[in-house]
N, C-alpha and C. Protein backbone atom coordinates (compact mmCIF):
# COMPACT_ATOMS: atom_id res chain seq x y z
N UNK A 1 -23.86 -11.93 -32.84
CA UNK A 1 -23.73 -10.57 -33.34
C UNK A 1 -23.32 -9.71 -32.23
N UNK A 2 -22.90 -10.21 -31.10
CA UNK A 2 -22.46 -9.34 -30.08
C UNK A 2 -20.88 -9.26 -29.86
N UNK A 3 -20.21 -9.59 -30.83
CA UNK A 3 -18.64 -9.60 -30.65
C UNK A 3 -18.37 -8.18 -31.12
N UNK A 4 -17.59 -7.45 -30.09
CA UNK A 4 -17.09 -6.25 -30.49
C UNK A 4 -16.12 -6.07 -31.74
N UNK A 5 -16.70 -5.11 -32.74
CA UNK A 5 -15.84 -5.19 -33.88
C UNK A 5 -14.81 -4.25 -33.73
N UNK A 6 -13.51 -4.40 -34.51
CA UNK A 6 -12.41 -3.54 -34.44
C UNK A 6 -12.96 -2.22 -35.19
N UNK A 7 -12.29 -0.83 -34.75
CA UNK A 7 -12.46 0.30 -35.50
C UNK A 7 -12.35 0.02 -36.94
N UNK A 8 -11.49 -0.55 -37.54
CA UNK A 8 -11.14 -0.85 -38.98
C UNK A 8 -12.46 -1.45 -39.52
N UNK A 9 -12.91 -2.44 -38.93
CA UNK A 9 -14.32 -3.23 -39.46
C UNK A 9 -15.28 -2.41 -39.47
N UNK A 10 -15.53 -1.61 -38.45
CA UNK A 10 -16.64 -0.54 -38.36
C UNK A 10 -16.61 0.37 -39.65
N UNK A 11 -15.44 1.04 -39.82
CA UNK A 11 -15.32 1.84 -40.77
C UNK A 11 -15.26 1.37 -42.03
N UNK A 12 -14.82 0.25 -42.41
CA UNK A 12 -15.22 -0.38 -43.51
C UNK A 12 -16.56 -0.86 -43.81
N UNK A 13 -17.30 -1.14 -42.98
CA UNK A 13 -18.69 -1.35 -43.18
C UNK A 13 -19.40 -0.16 -43.23
N UNK A 14 -19.19 0.90 -42.60
CA UNK A 14 -19.83 2.12 -42.91
C UNK A 14 -19.65 2.66 -44.32
N UNK A 15 -18.43 2.52 -44.85
CA UNK A 15 -18.08 2.79 -46.25
C UNK A 15 -18.67 1.99 -47.21
N UNK A 16 -18.61 0.69 -46.95
CA UNK A 16 -19.08 -0.34 -47.88
C UNK A 16 -20.67 -0.23 -48.14
N UNK A 17 -21.31 0.00 -46.81
CA UNK A 17 -22.80 0.06 -46.98
C UNK A 17 -23.28 1.61 -47.25
N UNK A 18 -22.46 2.55 -47.24
CA UNK A 18 -22.94 3.85 -47.40
C UNK A 18 -24.04 4.36 -46.50
N UNK A 19 -23.73 3.97 -45.31
CA UNK A 19 -24.49 4.20 -44.02
C UNK A 19 -24.29 5.63 -43.76
N UNK A 20 -25.26 6.43 -43.27
CA UNK A 20 -25.16 7.90 -42.91
C UNK A 20 -24.85 8.07 -41.79
N UNK A 21 -23.83 7.30 -41.12
CA UNK A 21 -23.23 7.42 -39.78
C UNK A 21 -21.73 7.67 -39.76
N UNK A 22 -21.38 8.10 -38.64
CA UNK A 22 -20.05 8.12 -38.46
C UNK A 22 -19.41 7.63 -37.03
N UNK A 23 -18.36 6.92 -37.14
CA UNK A 23 -17.87 6.51 -35.97
C UNK A 23 -17.17 7.67 -34.96
N UNK A 24 -17.44 7.59 -33.77
CA UNK A 24 -16.74 8.37 -32.71
C UNK A 24 -16.33 7.43 -31.53
N UNK A 25 -14.99 7.10 -31.79
CA UNK A 25 -14.78 6.15 -30.69
C UNK A 25 -15.46 4.81 -30.71
N UNK A 26 -16.20 4.37 -29.78
CA UNK A 26 -16.85 3.23 -29.71
C UNK A 26 -18.32 3.51 -29.85
N UNK A 27 -18.69 4.27 -30.55
CA UNK A 27 -20.11 5.05 -30.84
C UNK A 27 -20.29 5.26 -32.14
N UNK A 28 -21.40 4.96 -32.87
CA UNK A 28 -22.12 5.33 -34.16
C UNK A 28 -22.79 6.59 -33.90
N UNK A 29 -22.67 7.51 -34.62
CA UNK A 29 -23.22 8.91 -34.48
C UNK A 29 -23.97 9.06 -35.82
N UNK A 30 -25.33 9.75 -35.72
CA UNK A 30 -26.12 10.23 -37.17
C UNK A 30 -26.68 11.29 -36.64
N UNK A 31 -26.43 12.62 -37.42
CA UNK A 31 -27.22 13.46 -37.15
C UNK A 31 -28.15 13.93 -38.33
N UNK A 32 -29.52 14.33 -38.09
CA UNK A 32 -30.64 14.27 -38.99
C UNK A 32 -31.24 15.70 -38.80
N UNK A 33 -31.25 16.69 -39.81
CA UNK A 33 -32.00 17.69 -39.78
C UNK A 33 -33.64 17.55 -40.41
N UNK A 34 -34.43 17.53 -39.49
CA UNK A 34 -35.59 16.96 -39.61
C UNK A 34 -36.65 18.28 -40.10
N UNK A 35 -36.23 19.53 -40.27
CA UNK A 35 -36.98 20.66 -40.74
C UNK A 35 -37.71 21.61 -39.58
N UNK A 36 -38.23 20.84 -38.84
CA UNK A 36 -38.83 21.52 -37.62
C UNK A 36 -39.27 20.44 -36.40
N UNK A 37 -39.51 21.06 -35.36
CA UNK A 37 -39.80 20.28 -34.22
C UNK A 37 -40.58 19.03 -34.29
N UNK A 38 -41.79 19.29 -34.99
CA UNK A 38 -42.66 18.35 -35.48
C UNK A 38 -42.11 17.07 -36.16
N UNK A 39 -41.23 17.60 -37.11
CA UNK A 39 -40.62 16.50 -37.98
C UNK A 39 -39.45 15.65 -37.17
N UNK A 40 -39.03 16.56 -36.03
CA UNK A 40 -38.01 15.71 -35.25
C UNK A 40 -38.76 14.70 -34.55
N UNK A 41 -39.85 15.12 -34.00
CA UNK A 41 -40.58 14.22 -32.99
C UNK A 41 -41.15 12.90 -33.83
N UNK A 42 -41.55 13.24 -34.97
CA UNK A 42 -42.20 12.21 -36.11
C UNK A 42 -41.09 11.24 -36.32
N UNK A 43 -39.89 11.84 -36.75
CA UNK A 43 -38.74 10.90 -37.00
C UNK A 43 -38.41 10.13 -35.66
N UNK A 44 -38.24 10.64 -34.54
CA UNK A 44 -37.79 9.81 -33.26
C UNK A 44 -39.02 8.78 -33.08
N UNK A 45 -39.94 9.10 -33.34
CA UNK A 45 -41.22 8.14 -33.32
C UNK A 45 -41.06 6.87 -34.23
N UNK A 46 -40.65 7.04 -35.55
CA UNK A 46 -40.33 6.07 -36.66
C UNK A 46 -38.90 5.28 -36.04
N UNK A 47 -38.18 5.96 -35.65
CA UNK A 47 -36.63 5.32 -34.91
C UNK A 47 -37.20 4.20 -33.88
N UNK A 48 -37.90 4.86 -33.09
CA UNK A 48 -38.38 4.23 -31.82
C UNK A 48 -38.99 2.77 -32.26
N UNK A 49 -39.83 2.85 -33.26
CA UNK A 49 -40.56 1.65 -33.59
C UNK A 49 -39.59 0.69 -34.27
N UNK A 50 -38.53 1.14 -35.01
CA UNK A 50 -37.54 0.32 -35.60
C UNK A 50 -36.68 -0.41 -34.36
N UNK A 51 -36.54 0.40 -33.54
CA UNK A 51 -35.57 0.23 -32.27
C UNK A 51 -36.16 -1.03 -31.42
N UNK A 52 -37.50 -0.80 -31.12
CA UNK A 52 -38.29 -1.75 -30.35
C UNK A 52 -38.36 -2.92 -31.13
N UNK A 53 -38.37 -3.07 -32.17
CA UNK A 53 -38.60 -4.31 -33.12
C UNK A 53 -37.41 -5.24 -33.02
N UNK A 54 -36.29 -4.39 -33.09
CA UNK A 54 -34.90 -5.03 -33.02
C UNK A 54 -34.54 -5.13 -31.57
N UNK A 55 -35.16 -4.76 -30.42
CA UNK A 55 -34.80 -4.80 -29.25
C UNK A 55 -33.20 -4.27 -28.90
N UNK A 56 -33.09 -3.06 -29.67
CA UNK A 56 -31.79 -2.59 -29.37
C UNK A 56 -31.94 -1.05 -29.68
N UNK A 57 -31.59 -0.19 -28.94
CA UNK A 57 -32.04 1.03 -28.68
C UNK A 57 -31.03 2.21 -28.60
N UNK A 58 -31.02 3.27 -29.59
CA UNK A 58 -30.18 4.26 -29.67
C UNK A 58 -30.29 5.36 -28.64
N UNK A 59 -29.08 6.00 -28.13
CA UNK A 59 -29.49 7.19 -27.46
C UNK A 59 -30.10 8.37 -28.40
N UNK A 60 -30.97 9.06 -27.88
CA UNK A 60 -31.72 10.08 -28.83
C UNK A 60 -31.32 11.43 -28.21
N UNK A 61 -31.17 12.44 -28.96
CA UNK A 61 -30.90 13.81 -28.42
C UNK A 61 -31.79 14.61 -29.46
N UNK A 62 -32.93 15.62 -29.10
CA UNK A 62 -33.64 16.20 -29.91
C UNK A 62 -33.15 17.61 -29.53
N UNK A 63 -32.80 18.47 -30.49
CA UNK A 63 -32.71 19.94 -30.35
C UNK A 63 -33.29 20.47 -31.59
N UNK A 64 -34.44 21.09 -31.32
CA UNK A 64 -35.55 21.76 -31.99
C UNK A 64 -35.74 20.86 -33.16
N UNK A 65 -35.12 21.10 -34.40
CA UNK A 65 -35.28 20.28 -35.65
C UNK A 65 -34.31 19.37 -35.90
N UNK A 66 -33.40 19.20 -35.07
CA UNK A 66 -32.05 18.43 -35.22
C UNK A 66 -32.15 17.24 -34.22
N UNK A 67 -32.01 15.90 -34.86
CA UNK A 67 -31.99 14.64 -34.03
C UNK A 67 -30.67 14.07 -34.16
N UNK A 68 -30.09 13.86 -32.86
CA UNK A 68 -28.66 13.15 -32.97
C UNK A 68 -29.03 11.75 -32.28
N UNK A 69 -28.60 10.74 -33.10
CA UNK A 69 -28.60 9.29 -32.54
C UNK A 69 -27.29 8.75 -32.25
N UNK A 70 -27.05 7.94 -31.27
CA UNK A 70 -25.88 7.45 -30.88
C UNK A 70 -26.46 5.92 -30.66
N UNK A 71 -25.37 4.99 -31.18
CA UNK A 71 -25.71 3.60 -31.17
C UNK A 71 -24.20 2.95 -30.44
N UNK A 72 -24.45 2.01 -29.65
CA UNK A 72 -23.43 1.28 -29.40
C UNK A 72 -24.05 -0.06 -28.53
N UNK A 73 -23.41 -1.19 -28.40
CA UNK A 73 -23.90 -2.25 -27.64
C UNK A 73 -23.34 -2.08 -26.48
N UNK A 74 -24.06 -1.45 -25.48
CA UNK A 74 -23.52 -1.32 -24.18
C UNK A 74 -23.17 -2.61 -23.28
N UNK A 75 -23.79 -3.70 -23.53
CA UNK A 75 -23.68 -4.88 -22.93
C UNK A 75 -22.34 -5.61 -23.26
N UNK A 76 -21.97 -5.26 -24.59
CA UNK A 76 -20.69 -5.96 -25.09
C UNK A 76 -19.46 -4.91 -24.87
N UNK A 77 -19.75 -3.83 -24.56
CA UNK A 77 -18.71 -2.64 -24.36
C UNK A 77 -18.11 -2.15 -25.75
N UNK A 78 -19.05 -2.03 -26.72
CA UNK A 78 -18.55 -1.31 -27.80
C UNK A 78 -19.60 -1.65 -29.12
N UNK A 79 -18.91 -1.51 -30.24
CA UNK A 79 -19.78 -1.65 -31.48
C UNK A 79 -19.83 -2.91 -31.93
N UNK A 80 -21.08 -3.41 -32.38
CA UNK A 80 -21.22 -4.92 -32.76
C UNK A 80 -21.93 -4.64 -34.06
N UNK A 81 -22.23 -6.05 -34.58
CA UNK A 81 -22.91 -6.04 -35.71
C UNK A 81 -24.40 -5.83 -35.56
N UNK A 82 -24.93 -5.75 -34.50
CA UNK A 82 -26.14 -5.19 -34.09
C UNK A 82 -26.45 -3.78 -34.39
N UNK A 83 -25.24 -3.15 -33.99
CA UNK A 83 -25.17 -1.57 -34.20
C UNK A 83 -25.34 -1.15 -35.80
N UNK A 84 -24.54 -1.92 -36.55
CA UNK A 84 -24.49 -1.69 -37.88
C UNK A 84 -25.82 -2.12 -38.49
N UNK A 85 -26.46 -3.16 -37.93
CA UNK A 85 -27.74 -3.60 -38.67
C UNK A 85 -28.74 -2.70 -38.23
N UNK A 86 -28.84 -2.21 -37.06
CA UNK A 86 -29.76 -1.17 -36.71
C UNK A 86 -29.80 0.18 -37.30
N UNK A 87 -28.28 0.51 -37.61
CA UNK A 87 -27.99 1.87 -38.38
C UNK A 87 -28.56 1.69 -39.78
N UNK A 88 -28.41 0.40 -40.53
CA UNK A 88 -29.10 0.38 -41.64
C UNK A 88 -30.67 0.46 -41.79
N UNK A 89 -31.29 -0.15 -40.83
CA UNK A 89 -32.53 -0.08 -40.72
C UNK A 89 -33.13 1.63 -40.47
N UNK A 90 -32.17 1.98 -39.64
CA UNK A 90 -32.79 3.51 -39.40
C UNK A 90 -32.39 4.39 -40.63
N UNK A 91 -31.29 4.03 -41.34
CA UNK A 91 -31.03 4.81 -42.58
C UNK A 91 -32.24 4.62 -43.69
N UNK A 92 -32.84 3.40 -43.72
CA UNK A 92 -33.86 3.10 -44.67
C UNK A 92 -35.08 4.01 -44.33
N UNK A 93 -35.30 4.58 -43.04
CA UNK A 93 -36.30 5.54 -42.75
C UNK A 93 -36.26 6.98 -43.35
N UNK A 94 -34.97 7.21 -43.73
CA UNK A 94 -34.74 8.56 -44.36
C UNK A 94 -35.08 8.61 -45.70
N UNK A 95 -35.45 7.64 -46.28
CA UNK A 95 -35.90 7.51 -47.63
C UNK A 95 -37.39 7.98 -47.75
N UNK A 96 -37.96 7.73 -46.54
CA UNK A 96 -39.49 8.39 -46.71
C UNK A 96 -39.39 9.79 -46.09
N UNK A 97 -38.17 10.33 -46.05
CA UNK A 97 -38.11 11.81 -45.54
C UNK A 97 -38.08 11.79 -44.02
N UNK A 98 -37.26 12.64 -43.55
CA UNK A 98 -37.13 12.88 -41.98
C UNK A 98 -38.21 13.61 -41.50
């Protein structure tokens, strides 16, 4: 799963799986409004647990109640199946509320 995917492959996977992410060049980006700062911290903690289990980690930016996650496989030089798999796992967290 470390082969870099073509942009069209990523776009098709995002649309097909209804993932709440967008592609920005070679990075997947997700923005989440968590309601308040405590909610943002709790959400990042849940994302961190999933990322640790996958041994694949997003870049995380917290701005008060908003969290921005960025995923790419730096070692491969772009987006891979690992990024799509982790994006789907992170999206599953949203079902429980951000």
